Every structure is written in C-alpha cells, then in structure tokens.
Amino acid sequence: MKILITGGAGFIASHVVDAYIDQGYQVVIVDNLSTGCRENLNPKARFYELDIRSDQLKKIFEKEKPDIVNHHAAQISVPVSVKKPRFDTDVNVTGFINLMENSVKYSVKKIIFISSGGAIYGEAEEYPTSENYHPQPLSPYAINKLAGEKYLFYFKKQFGLDYTILRYANVYGPRQIPHGEAGVVSIFIMNLLARKRSYLYSYNSEPDGMIRDYVYVKDVVKVNLLSLEKGNGDIFNVGTQIETTTGKLYRKIAEIMNVNIEPVKADARPGDLHRSLLNIEKIRENLNWKPDYDLEAGLKQTYQFFKEKF
C-alpha cells in the first residue's frame, strides 16, 4: 500500500512517516518546508517539495497513485489565523480542496484528516468534550478545520471518498517546533535550556493559565496506524482526558530539568480558550486505543531529545 503524507517533514507527520515505513508501507511526502525540516525526512520516503495549493500537485498524484492520503499539512497557529484569516483559509481550506479533488481524480481510497480537538469545540459546555458536541469554533483556524471536516462529508457522499477524522488535543514530543501556541512544550524546554524566562499566558480569573489536554506524539502515531484500516467515515478525539494548566505544565518541565526560573505572567491572546479537554471514550471503544504515555514520561523523552540536539 502506498500512502501520501502532506506535511511529512513536520513535527507530528514525520513520526507518522517513520511508523508507516517501519510497517512496510510505501510513503510519499509532500511538504513545502515552510515549517517542516529536511532533517526530519525519512530517507526511505519519496519527497516532493511542494505547497498543497499548487497546481503541480496533480502531477504527483498522477505519478505516484497513492492508495491513502494522510493530511497533516496546515497553518497551525491560532494567533496567526486571527491576524491573517485569509491566509489560514487559503492553506487550510483551499489547499485541502485541491488535495481532495486530486484524491477523487486519481482514485484514492481514503483520507486521514487531522483536525483540531484543541480548538474546534470552542468554550464547550460539555466537559470533557465528546465528538457528539456541536463545535463552536472561536478562531479562523478552528472554523477552517471544521470546514475541512464538512468538505470530507460532502466528498464521501458525492464521490465515495472515504475518510477518518482525527481531532488532536495538544500534541507534544521530539521534533516539535518551538514557535507559537502549538509548540508550548518545546518553547518552555528551549527557554529553560537557555536559562531564559518564558511567558505564561493566562486570564485574570485563572492565574495558573489555560487548561489543555496534552498528548504525546508516539500515542498519536499509534492512532494514525490504526486509522489505515479502521474508523472509516467517523470522527475521533485523540487526547488523554487529563487536564493540565499551563502553569502546571511549566512547573513539571522545570522539575524534570532541575531548573528554577519563574515564568513571566502575560495576558491571554486573542483566540485563546479558557479550557479544552477531550473525552476519549469513543476511540477507546471503536479503535481499542488509549494513550500509553503519561505527561511526565512524555516530557522526559521530549526533554532528552532537545537536550541532545541543542
């Protein structure tokens, strides 16, 4: 089986590439390297440096004829989407439509679509939040991820293109880029390694920071393996169902690194949710998946990676 992975030079998708290759699958990577790194590329994968919005994408589909598309490429920053909603829409909607149209034309069997459990539900009244909760997106990023899900439903009904939607919580681990909200773990680690103070964003009523669900990248990889054969036409939260404030996260990292530097308190940014926690009962029951790594174990492996690299 041949799998085309968009964003395969990036943090999460490069781990997925490695796992697919280890399982004996043929892998093709499409990545424009805007945030991905060449050093993340698996040498056993065929790599095309290309933007998913490009008209040249059809040539890759025509040549490679993938069986499955795993779509990780995205504009991933909530603050950036607030500042540049047209750019976010161009990448996360227009680019994705280009991918789906080529998938239909060249007989792709299924798309594994990476959505956002950390943003798409908004300030959910159901907590922890299940897949049945009606999304209330509060940022262009979340709006456009929801639009991608709706387009998948349409393409399946209209053209028979199958899909599995994975709504990730806040993923962390080795290779994470230390930039923006999505990279808070790596930002904290890099700052502590450099003996620099980090910003801890929070609302006045919640001084220890926002609540998030942090899931380790190796657990996320396991879901991407299961989704090759399971979960057709369905949506799954991918998290831990364990809440962690940003302050608690920072203190845990500082404890693991044995560094005592107080963070700088700062006001929450536009688009920041007060809390986000995913209910993972559905994925437990349907895909027989659960996270293997608790926060401390995942953070220790992540710290070790950055310590050795930098």
Protein backbone atom coordinates (compact mmCIF):
# COMPACT_ATOMS: atom_id res chain seq x y z
CA MET A 1 0.00 0.00 0.00
CA LYS A 2 1.20 3.50 -0.86
CA ILE A 3 0.48 6.45 1.43
CA LEU A 4 0.90 10.11 0.55
CA ILE A 5 1.53 12.25 3.62
CA THR A 6 1.28 16.02 3.49
CA GLY A 7 3.47 17.88 5.95
CA GLY A 8 5.69 14.82 6.29
CA ALA A 9 8.74 16.90 7.17
CA GLY A 10 6.90 18.42 10.11
CA PHE A 11 6.83 17.54 13.79
CA ILE A 12 3.94 15.07 14.03
CA ALA A 13 3.76 13.78 10.46
CA SER A 14 7.46 12.89 10.32
CA HIS A 15 6.88 10.48 13.20
CA VAL A 16 3.90 9.04 11.33
CA VAL A 17 6.07 8.63 8.22
CA ASP A 18 8.65 6.68 10.23
CA ALA A 19 5.98 4.38 11.64
CA TYR A 20 4.40 3.71 8.24
CA ILE A 21 7.78 2.86 6.74
CA ASP A 22 8.63 0.61 9.69
CA GLN A 23 5.39 -1.26 8.94
CA GLY A 24 6.49 -1.81 5.34
CA TYR A 25 4.28 0.75 3.58
CA GLN A 26 5.48 2.87 0.66
CA VAL A 27 5.42 6.55 1.64
CA VAL A 28 5.37 9.71 -0.45
CA ILE A 29 5.82 13.08 1.28
CA VAL A 30 4.53 16.45 0.08
CA ASP A 31 5.81 19.39 2.12
CA ASN A 32 6.70 22.98 1.24
CA LEU A 33 9.17 23.15 4.19
CA SER A 34 7.61 26.36 5.49
CA THR A 35 7.68 24.86 8.99
CA GLY A 36 8.97 21.35 8.29
CA CYS A 37 12.66 20.43 8.38
CA ARG A 38 14.68 18.41 5.89
CA GLU A 39 16.39 16.60 8.74
CA ASN A 40 13.00 15.12 9.72
CA LEU A 41 12.60 13.45 6.32
CA ASN A 42 12.87 9.68 6.31
CA PRO A 43 15.34 8.70 3.53
CA LYS A 44 13.14 5.74 2.59
CA ALA A 45 10.25 8.06 1.65
CA ARG A 46 9.96 9.81 -1.71
CA PHE A 47 9.90 13.55 -1.11
CA TYR A 48 8.34 16.36 -3.16
CA GLU A 49 8.93 19.94 -2.04
CA LEU A 50 5.59 21.45 -2.96
CA ASP A 51 2.78 23.52 -1.50
CA ILE A 52 -0.58 21.71 -1.29
CA ARG A 53 -2.19 24.72 -3.03
CA SER A 54 -0.06 24.22 -6.14
CA ASP A 55 -1.48 23.13 -9.49
CA GLN A 56 1.55 20.85 -9.75
CA LEU A 57 0.07 18.59 -7.07
CA LYS A 58 -1.85 16.72 -9.75
CA LYS A 59 1.43 15.56 -11.32
CA ILE A 60 2.44 13.89 -8.07
CA PHE A 61 -0.91 12.10 -7.82
CA GLU A 62 -0.70 11.06 -11.46
CA LYS A 63 2.79 9.65 -10.99
CA GLU A 64 2.50 8.10 -7.52
CA LYS A 65 -1.15 6.97 -7.46
CA PRO A 66 -1.42 6.73 -3.66
CA ASP A 67 -3.96 4.43 -2.02
CA ILE A 68 -4.35 6.62 1.08
CA VAL A 69 -3.72 10.30 1.80
CA ASN A 70 -2.74 11.33 5.32
CA HIS A 71 -3.23 15.10 5.58
CA HIS A 72 -1.15 16.79 8.27
CA ALA A 73 -0.02 19.90 6.37
CA ALA A 74 -1.67 23.02 7.79
CA GLN A 75 -1.38 26.53 9.09
CA ILE A 76 -1.43 25.51 12.76
CA SER A 77 -1.29 28.73 14.78
CA VAL A 78 -4.48 30.12 16.30
CA PRO A 79 -2.99 33.63 16.82
CA VAL A 80 -1.76 33.70 13.21
CA SER A 81 -5.22 32.71 11.98
CA VAL A 82 -6.71 35.59 13.96
CA LYS A 83 -4.25 38.05 12.42
CA LYS A 84 -4.36 36.53 8.92
CA PRO A 85 -7.72 34.77 8.39
CA ARG A 86 -7.43 34.84 4.58
CA PHE A 87 -4.05 33.12 4.72
CA ASP A 88 -5.37 30.49 7.11
CA THR A 89 -8.36 29.85 4.83
CA ASP A 90 -6.13 29.65 1.76
CA VAL A 91 -3.96 26.94 3.30
CA ASN A 92 -6.43 25.03 5.45
CA VAL A 93 -9.45 25.11 3.10
CA THR A 94 -8.34 25.91 -0.45
CA GLY A 95 -5.24 23.73 -0.16
CA PHE A 96 -7.27 20.88 1.27
CA ILE A 97 -9.86 21.09 -1.51
CA ASN A 98 -7.02 20.82 -4.03
CA LEU A 99 -5.90 17.67 -2.23
CA MET A 100 -9.40 16.16 -2.20
CA GLU A 101 -10.07 16.91 -5.86
CA ASN A 102 -6.87 15.13 -6.84
CA SER A 103 -7.72 12.27 -4.50
CA VAL A 104 -11.02 11.75 -6.32
CA LYS A 105 -9.48 12.10 -9.77
CA TYR A 106 -6.73 9.57 -9.06
CA SER A 107 -8.85 7.05 -7.13
CA VAL A 108 -7.53 7.47 -3.60
CA LYS A 109 -9.42 5.11 -1.29
CA LYS A 110 -9.31 7.17 1.88
CA ILE A 111 -8.13 10.39 3.51
CA ILE A 112 -6.95 10.54 7.11
CA PHE A 113 -7.66 14.16 8.05
CA ILE A 114 -6.01 15.86 11.00
CA SER A 115 -8.48 18.20 12.66
CA SER A 116 -8.27 20.02 15.98
CA GLY A 117 -9.87 18.81 19.17
CA GLY A 118 -7.95 21.52 20.99
CA ALA A 119 -9.70 24.35 19.13
CA ILE A 120 -12.75 23.19 17.20
CA TYR A 121 -15.15 22.83 20.16
CA GLY A 122 -14.61 26.38 21.43
CA GLU A 123 -15.57 27.08 25.05
CA ALA A 124 -17.55 23.85 25.28
CA GLU A 125 -20.28 23.43 27.87
CA GLU A 126 -19.76 19.66 27.74
CA TYR A 127 -16.55 18.92 29.64
CA PRO A 128 -14.65 16.74 28.86
CA THR A 129 -15.94 17.22 25.34
CA SER A 130 -17.11 14.32 23.18
CA GLU A 131 -17.34 14.06 19.40
CA ASN A 132 -21.14 14.47 19.67
CA TYR A 133 -20.80 18.03 20.95
CA HIS A 134 -21.69 20.63 18.31
CA PRO A 135 -18.47 22.57 17.57
CA GLN A 136 -18.41 26.27 18.45
CA PRO A 137 -15.15 27.41 16.83
CA LEU A 138 -13.77 30.72 18.14
CA SER A 139 -10.88 31.29 15.71
CA PRO A 140 -10.42 31.20 11.93
CA TYR A 141 -8.14 28.20 12.43
CA ALA A 142 -10.89 26.24 14.18
CA ILE A 143 -13.53 27.42 11.69
CA ASN A 144 -11.42 26.20 8.78
CA LYS A 145 -10.68 22.83 10.38
CA LEU A 146 -14.42 22.36 10.78
CA ALA A 147 -14.89 23.38 7.15
CA GLY A 148 -12.41 20.66 6.15
CA GLU A 149 -14.47 18.10 8.03
CA LYS A 150 -17.65 19.22 6.27
CA TYR A 151 -15.96 19.01 2.88
CA LEU A 152 -14.93 15.43 3.67
CA PHE A 153 -18.53 14.53 4.40
CA TYR A 154 -19.55 16.08 1.07
CA PHE A 155 -16.79 14.34 -0.91
CA LYS A 156 -17.72 10.98 0.61
CA LYS A 157 -21.41 11.41 -0.26
CA GLN A 158 -20.75 12.82 -3.71
CA PHE A 159 -17.71 10.81 -4.85
CA GLY A 160 -17.32 7.90 -2.41
CA LEU A 161 -14.03 9.20 -1.00
CA ASP A 162 -13.71 7.62 2.44
CA TYR A 163 -12.15 9.31 5.45
CA THR A 164 -11.22 9.17 9.10
CA ILE A 165 -11.07 12.45 11.04
CA LEU A 166 -8.68 12.72 13.98
CA ARG A 167 -9.27 15.64 16.33
CA TYR A 168 -5.95 16.06 18.11
CA ALA A 169 -5.56 17.55 21.55
CA ASN A 170 -2.30 19.46 22.21
CA VAL A 171 0.41 17.18 20.81
CA TYR A 172 4.00 17.42 22.10
CA GLY A 173 7.21 15.46 21.72
CA PRO A 174 10.58 15.27 19.91
CA ARG A 175 10.91 17.43 16.77
CA GLN A 176 8.27 19.88 17.96
CA ILE A 177 8.89 23.38 16.63
CA PRO A 178 9.36 25.93 19.44
CA HIS A 179 7.06 28.54 17.92
CA GLY A 180 3.51 29.66 18.67
CA GLU A 181 0.79 28.18 20.86
CA ALA A 182 1.13 24.74 19.31
CA GLY A 183 4.74 24.47 20.47
CA VAL A 184 4.40 25.45 24.13
CA VAL A 185 6.25 22.38 25.47
CA SER A 186 9.24 22.89 23.21
CA ILE A 187 9.20 26.65 23.90
CA PHE A 188 9.39 26.03 27.64
CA ILE A 189 12.17 23.45 27.26
CA MET A 190 14.26 25.61 24.91
CA ASN A 191 13.91 28.65 27.15
CA LEU A 192 14.87 26.69 30.25
CA LEU A 193 17.87 25.20 28.46
CA ALA A 194 18.94 28.76 27.59
CA ARG A 195 18.12 29.94 31.12
CA LYS A 196 15.55 32.35 29.72
CA ARG A 197 12.18 33.22 31.21
CA SER A 198 9.04 32.01 29.42
CA TYR A 199 5.69 33.76 29.08
CA LEU A 200 2.79 32.14 30.89
CA TYR A 201 -0.39 33.41 29.23
CA SER A 202 -3.48 33.45 31.41
CA TYR A 203 -6.82 35.09 32.12
CA ASN A 204 -7.12 37.19 35.29
CA SER A 205 -9.63 34.76 36.76
CA GLU A 206 -7.34 31.79 36.06
CA PRO A 207 -3.80 32.87 37.01
CA ASP A 208 -2.26 29.41 36.56
CA GLY A 209 -3.00 29.50 32.85
CA MET A 210 -5.39 27.83 30.45
CA ILE A 211 -6.40 24.17 30.80
CA ARG A 212 -5.29 21.87 28.00
CA ASP A 213 -5.11 18.16 27.18
CA TYR A 214 -1.50 17.23 26.32
CA VAL A 215 -0.94 14.01 24.34
CA TYR A 216 2.46 12.54 23.48
CA VAL A 217 3.36 12.20 19.81
CA LYS A 218 4.04 8.44 19.96
CA ASP A 219 0.47 7.87 21.12
CA VAL A 220 -0.75 9.98 18.20
CA VAL A 221 1.33 7.88 15.80
CA LYS A 222 -0.44 4.77 17.03
CA VAL A 223 -3.82 6.27 16.03
CA ASN A 224 -2.53 7.02 12.54
CA LEU A 225 -1.56 3.37 12.15
CA LEU A 226 -4.96 2.15 13.32
CA SER A 227 -6.74 4.60 11.01
CA LEU A 228 -5.35 2.95 7.90
CA GLU A 229 -7.83 0.09 8.31
CA LYS A 230 -10.35 1.33 10.88
CA GLY A 231 -12.61 4.27 11.64
CA ASN A 232 -14.00 4.82 8.15
CA GLY A 233 -16.45 7.70 7.86
CA ASP A 234 -16.00 8.63 11.50
CA ILE A 235 -14.51 11.27 13.84
CA PHE A 236 -12.31 10.57 16.85
CA ASN A 237 -10.87 12.69 19.63
CA VAL A 238 -7.19 11.96 20.29
CA GLY A 239 -6.12 13.05 23.75
CA THR A 240 -5.65 11.85 27.32
CA GLN A 241 -8.79 13.16 29.06
CA ILE A 242 -6.47 14.62 31.72
CA GLU A 243 -6.48 18.37 32.28
CA THR A 244 -3.26 20.33 32.78
CA THR A 245 -2.90 24.07 33.32
CA THR A 246 -0.10 25.89 31.54
CA GLY A 247 1.42 26.69 34.92
CA LYS A 248 1.42 23.04 35.97
CA LEU A 249 2.98 22.09 32.64
CA TYR A 250 5.75 24.64 33.12
CA ARG A 251 6.48 23.52 36.68
CA LYS A 252 6.62 19.86 35.64
CA ILE A 253 9.11 20.63 32.85
CA ALA A 254 11.23 22.79 35.17
CA GLU A 255 11.22 19.98 37.76
CA ILE A 256 12.34 17.38 35.18
CA MET A 257 15.11 19.72 34.01
CA ASN A 258 16.03 20.68 37.59
CA VAL A 259 15.86 24.39 36.76
CA ASN A 260 14.20 27.06 38.90
CA ILE A 261 13.19 30.05 36.76
CA GLU A 262 9.88 31.82 37.31
CA PRO A 263 7.82 32.46 34.15
CA VAL A 264 6.56 35.91 33.17
CA LYS A 265 2.81 36.30 33.57
CA ALA A 266 1.09 37.71 30.46
CA ASP A 267 -2.48 38.29 29.32
CA ALA A 268 -4.23 35.65 27.22
CA ARG A 269 -4.04 36.24 23.48
CA PRO A 270 -6.95 36.63 21.01
CA GLY A 271 -8.40 33.19 20.28
CA ASP A 272 -7.06 31.56 23.46
CA LEU A 273 -9.61 29.20 25.02
CA HIS A 274 -10.03 29.07 28.79
CA ARG A 275 -10.11 25.29 28.82
CA SER A 276 -10.04 22.31 26.48
CA LEU A 277 -10.31 18.67 27.48
CA LEU A 278 -11.25 15.78 25.19
CA ASN A 279 -13.44 12.81 26.01
CA ILE A 280 -11.71 9.73 24.57
CA GLU A 281 -14.26 7.02 25.32
CA LYS A 282 -15.26 6.67 21.66
CA ILE A 283 -11.73 5.97 20.41
CA ARG A 284 -11.18 3.51 23.26
CA GLU A 285 -14.26 1.54 22.27
CA ASN A 286 -14.04 1.77 18.48
CA LEU A 287 -10.30 1.66 17.78
CA ASN A 288 -9.15 -0.01 21.01
CA TRP A 289 -6.77 2.92 21.52
CA LYS A 290 -5.58 4.57 24.69
CA PRO A 291 -2.53 6.69 25.49
CA ASP A 292 0.50 4.77 26.75
CA TYR A 293 2.45 7.80 27.97
CA ASP A 294 1.54 9.95 30.94
CA LEU A 295 2.67 13.59 30.98
CA GLU A 296 5.85 13.01 32.96
CA ALA A 297 7.05 10.12 30.79
CA GLY A 298 6.37 12.06 27.59
CA LEU A 299 8.03 15.21 28.88
CA LYS A 300 11.15 13.30 29.92
CA GLN A 301 11.56 11.87 26.42
CA THR A 302 10.92 15.27 24.87
CA TYR A 303 13.47 16.97 27.13
CA GLN A 304 16.05 14.29 26.34
CA PHE A 305 15.61 14.95 22.62
CA PHE A 306 16.14 18.70 22.93
CA LYS A 307 19.00 18.28 25.42
CA GLU A 308 20.89 16.05 22.99
CA LYS A 309 20.05 18.18 19.95
CA PHE A 310 20.86 21.60 21.41
